[in-house]
Each structure stands twice: as structure tokens, then as C-alpha cells.
Amino acid sequence: MNRLIKFFVRRIPRPVLIRFSFIFAALARPFYFGSKVECPICQKHFSAFLPYGNQGCFNRLCPGSKYMTKI
């Protein structure tokens, strides 16, 4: 799943990714069911957060609310 995300992030322009992020989030959500992390905004539990950025920083973006965690 991470390779697929990196492929799209590196090859598709950022405005297009932002415009269609709700579709991607709906498709990625089933792969992230779990209880390891909890989003402080939507109060939902996931196995991990989505990677974010060109460097592929793992566990940064909530699949439910698109909230970005702070480091």
C-alpha cells in the first residue's frame, strides 16, 4: 500500500491529489482498520496513519479526517 501511495504522490500534481483526496481516503480506509492509533479530531481508531510528503513520512495523516499529526 505504501508503494502505491508513493507512486501517486510523486507522479500526480498536488492540486489534483487534493481535489480527489476524499475518493482516495474512502478507498484506503479499509486497509487501515485497527486500534493502534487514535485520531484526536475524529476519535476513530486505525492500525496506522497514512504517509505524507515526498519523503514518505509514515504515520502522519489520518485516513478519516485528513488531520496531520504533529511531530
N, C-alpha and C. Protein backbone atom coordinates (compact mmCIF):
# COMPACT_ATOMS: atom_id res chain seq x y z
N MET A 1 0.82 -1.19 0.00
CA MET A 1 0.00 0.00 0.00
C MET A 1 0.87 1.26 0.00
N ASN A 2 1.98 1.23 0.73
CA ASN A 2 2.85 2.41 0.78
C ASN A 2 3.48 2.70 -0.58
N ARG A 3 3.82 1.67 -1.33
CA ARG A 3 4.38 1.90 -2.67
C ARG A 3 3.35 2.54 -3.59
N LEU A 4 2.11 2.12 -3.46
CA LEU A 4 1.04 2.69 -4.27
C LEU A 4 0.84 4.18 -3.94
N ILE A 5 0.86 4.49 -2.67
CA ILE A 5 0.70 5.88 -2.23
C ILE A 5 1.87 6.73 -2.73
N LYS A 6 3.09 6.22 -2.59
CA LYS A 6 4.26 6.96 -3.07
C LYS A 6 4.20 7.18 -4.57
N PHE A 7 3.73 6.18 -5.31
CA PHE A 7 3.60 6.31 -6.77
C PHE A 7 2.70 7.49 -7.12
N PHE A 8 1.52 7.55 -6.50
CA PHE A 8 0.57 8.62 -6.82
C PHE A 8 1.07 9.98 -6.36
N VAL A 9 1.67 10.05 -5.19
CA VAL A 9 2.13 11.33 -4.65
C VAL A 9 3.25 11.92 -5.50
N ARG A 10 4.11 11.08 -6.04
CA ARG A 10 5.24 11.58 -6.82
C ARG A 10 4.90 11.89 -8.28
N ARG A 11 3.85 11.31 -8.81
CA ARG A 11 3.57 11.46 -10.24
C ARG A 11 2.34 12.31 -10.57
N ILE A 12 1.47 12.52 -9.62
CA ILE A 12 0.26 13.31 -9.87
C ILE A 12 0.43 14.68 -9.20
N PRO A 13 0.10 15.76 -9.92
CA PRO A 13 0.26 17.11 -9.35
C PRO A 13 -0.54 17.29 -8.07
N ARG A 14 -0.02 18.05 -7.16
CA ARG A 14 -0.62 18.26 -5.84
C ARG A 14 -2.06 18.78 -5.91
N PRO A 15 -2.41 19.75 -6.79
CA PRO A 15 -3.81 20.21 -6.83
C PRO A 15 -4.79 19.09 -7.20
N VAL A 16 -4.37 18.18 -8.07
CA VAL A 16 -5.23 17.06 -8.44
C VAL A 16 -5.39 16.11 -7.26
N LEU A 17 -4.30 15.84 -6.55
CA LEU A 17 -4.37 14.98 -5.36
C LEU A 17 -5.31 15.56 -4.31
N ILE A 18 -5.23 16.85 -4.10
CA ILE A 18 -6.08 17.50 -3.10
C ILE A 18 -7.55 17.42 -3.52
N ARG A 19 -7.82 17.66 -4.79
CA ARG A 19 -9.19 17.65 -5.27
C ARG A 19 -9.85 16.28 -5.12
N PHE A 20 -9.08 15.21 -5.34
CA PHE A 20 -9.65 13.86 -5.28
C PHE A 20 -9.25 13.10 -4.02
N SER A 21 -8.81 13.80 -2.99
CA SER A 21 -8.35 13.13 -1.77
C SER A 21 -9.48 12.40 -1.05
N PHE A 22 -10.73 12.89 -1.16
CA PHE A 22 -11.83 12.23 -0.48
C PHE A 22 -12.10 10.85 -1.07
N ILE A 23 -11.88 10.69 -2.38
CA ILE A 23 -12.06 9.38 -3.01
C ILE A 23 -10.96 8.43 -2.56
N PHE A 24 -9.72 8.92 -2.55
CA PHE A 24 -8.62 8.09 -2.11
C PHE A 24 -8.78 7.66 -0.66
N ALA A 25 -9.20 8.59 0.19
CA ALA A 25 -9.37 8.27 1.61
C ALA A 25 -10.44 7.19 1.80
N ALA A 26 -11.51 7.26 1.04
CA ALA A 26 -12.55 6.24 1.14
C ALA A 26 -12.04 4.87 0.68
N LEU A 27 -11.18 4.85 -0.33
CA LEU A 27 -10.63 3.58 -0.81
C LEU A 27 -9.56 3.03 0.12
N ALA A 28 -8.80 3.89 0.78
CA ALA A 28 -7.70 3.45 1.64
C ALA A 28 -8.17 3.07 3.04
N ARG A 29 -9.32 3.59 3.47
CA ARG A 29 -9.78 3.38 4.84
C ARG A 29 -9.87 1.90 5.25
N PRO A 30 -10.39 0.99 4.41
CA PRO A 30 -10.47 -0.42 4.84
C PRO A 30 -9.11 -1.06 5.12
N PHE A 31 -8.05 -0.57 4.49
CA PHE A 31 -6.72 -1.12 4.71
C PHE A 31 -6.11 -0.66 6.04
N TYR A 32 -6.72 0.33 6.67
CA TYR A 32 -6.17 0.90 7.89
C TYR A 32 -7.04 0.64 9.12
N PHE A 33 -7.98 -0.33 9.04
CA PHE A 33 -8.76 -0.69 10.23
C PHE A 33 -7.85 -1.27 11.29
N GLY A 34 -8.05 -0.90 12.53
CA GLY A 34 -7.24 -1.40 13.63
C GLY A 34 -7.43 -0.53 14.85
N SER A 35 -6.57 -0.74 15.83
CA SER A 35 -6.71 0.02 17.08
C SER A 35 -5.37 0.50 17.63
N LYS A 36 -4.36 0.63 16.80
CA LYS A 36 -3.04 1.05 17.29
C LYS A 36 -2.95 2.56 17.52
N VAL A 37 -3.60 3.35 16.66
CA VAL A 37 -3.54 4.81 16.80
C VAL A 37 -4.96 5.36 16.81
N GLU A 38 -5.13 6.50 17.47
CA GLU A 38 -6.43 7.16 17.53
C GLU A 38 -6.28 8.60 17.07
N CYS A 39 -7.18 9.04 16.22
CA CYS A 39 -7.17 10.42 15.75
C CYS A 39 -7.82 11.31 16.81
N PRO A 40 -7.13 12.38 17.23
CA PRO A 40 -7.72 13.26 18.24
C PRO A 40 -8.87 14.11 17.71
N ILE A 41 -9.02 14.20 16.40
CA ILE A 41 -10.08 15.01 15.81
C ILE A 41 -11.37 14.21 15.63
N CYS A 42 -11.28 13.06 14.92
CA CYS A 42 -12.49 12.28 14.63
C CYS A 42 -12.73 11.15 15.64
N GLN A 43 -11.79 10.93 16.56
CA GLN A 43 -11.91 9.92 17.62
C GLN A 43 -12.05 8.50 17.07
N LYS A 44 -11.54 8.24 15.86
CA LYS A 44 -11.59 6.90 15.28
C LYS A 44 -10.23 6.23 15.44
N HIS A 45 -10.25 4.91 15.48
CA HIS A 45 -9.03 4.13 15.65
C HIS A 45 -8.61 3.51 14.32
N PHE A 46 -7.31 3.48 14.07
CA PHE A 46 -6.75 2.92 12.86
C PHE A 46 -5.50 2.11 13.21
N SER A 47 -5.07 1.26 12.29
CA SER A 47 -3.84 0.49 12.53
C SER A 47 -2.62 1.38 12.37
N ALA A 48 -2.71 2.39 11.52
CA ALA A 48 -1.64 3.37 11.30
C ALA A 48 -2.24 4.56 10.58
N PHE A 49 -1.54 5.67 10.62
CA PHE A 49 -1.94 6.81 9.81
C PHE A 49 -1.30 6.69 8.44
N LEU A 50 -1.80 7.45 7.48
CA LEU A 50 -1.26 7.44 6.12
C LEU A 50 0.08 8.16 6.08
N PRO A 51 0.96 7.77 5.15
CA PRO A 51 2.20 8.54 4.97
C PRO A 51 1.87 9.87 4.30
N TYR A 52 2.77 10.84 4.46
CA TYR A 52 2.55 12.16 3.87
C TYR A 52 3.87 12.75 3.44
N GLY A 53 3.86 13.44 2.31
CA GLY A 53 5.04 14.15 1.83
C GLY A 53 5.88 13.34 0.87
N ASN A 54 6.80 14.03 0.20
CA ASN A 54 7.66 13.38 -0.78
C ASN A 54 8.67 12.43 -0.14
N GLN A 55 9.04 12.69 1.10
CA GLN A 55 9.97 11.81 1.79
C GLN A 55 9.27 10.59 2.36
N GLY A 56 7.95 10.55 2.31
CA GLY A 56 7.19 9.41 2.79
C GLY A 56 7.20 9.27 4.30
N CYS A 57 7.00 10.37 5.01
CA CYS A 57 6.95 10.32 6.47
C CYS A 57 5.75 9.49 6.89
N PHE A 58 6.00 8.38 7.56
CA PHE A 58 4.94 7.45 7.92
C PHE A 58 4.15 7.96 9.11
N ASN A 59 2.90 7.51 9.22
CA ASN A 59 2.00 7.83 10.34
C ASN A 59 1.82 9.33 10.52
N ARG A 60 1.48 10.03 9.44
CA ARG A 60 1.32 11.48 9.53
C ARG A 60 -0.11 11.96 9.30
N LEU A 61 -0.93 11.27 8.48
CA LEU A 61 -2.21 11.79 8.04
C LEU A 61 -3.33 10.81 8.39
N CYS A 62 -4.35 11.29 9.09
CA CYS A 62 -5.47 10.44 9.49
C CYS A 62 -6.30 10.07 8.25
N PRO A 63 -6.60 8.78 8.03
CA PRO A 63 -7.43 8.39 6.88
C PRO A 63 -8.87 8.88 6.99
N GLY A 64 -9.34 9.17 8.19
CA GLY A 64 -10.73 9.59 8.37
C GLY A 64 -10.93 11.08 8.21
N SER A 65 -10.19 11.87 8.97
CA SER A 65 -10.44 13.31 9.00
C SER A 65 -9.41 14.12 8.22
N LYS A 66 -8.36 13.48 7.71
CA LYS A 66 -7.25 14.13 6.99
C LYS A 66 -6.46 15.06 7.91
N TYR A 67 -6.53 14.83 9.21
CA TYR A 67 -5.76 15.60 10.19
C TYR A 67 -4.32 15.16 10.14
N MET A 68 -3.39 16.11 10.12
CA MET A 68 -1.96 15.78 10.10
C MET A 68 -1.40 15.86 11.51
N THR A 69 -0.76 14.77 11.92
CA THR A 69 -0.19 14.73 13.26
C THR A 69 1.00 15.68 13.37
N LYS A 70 1.29 16.11 14.56
CA LYS A 70 2.43 16.97 14.82
C LYS A 70 3.59 16.14 15.28
N ILE A 71 4.78 16.56 14.92
CA ILE A 71 5.99 15.81 15.33
C ILE A 71 6.61 16.50 16.53
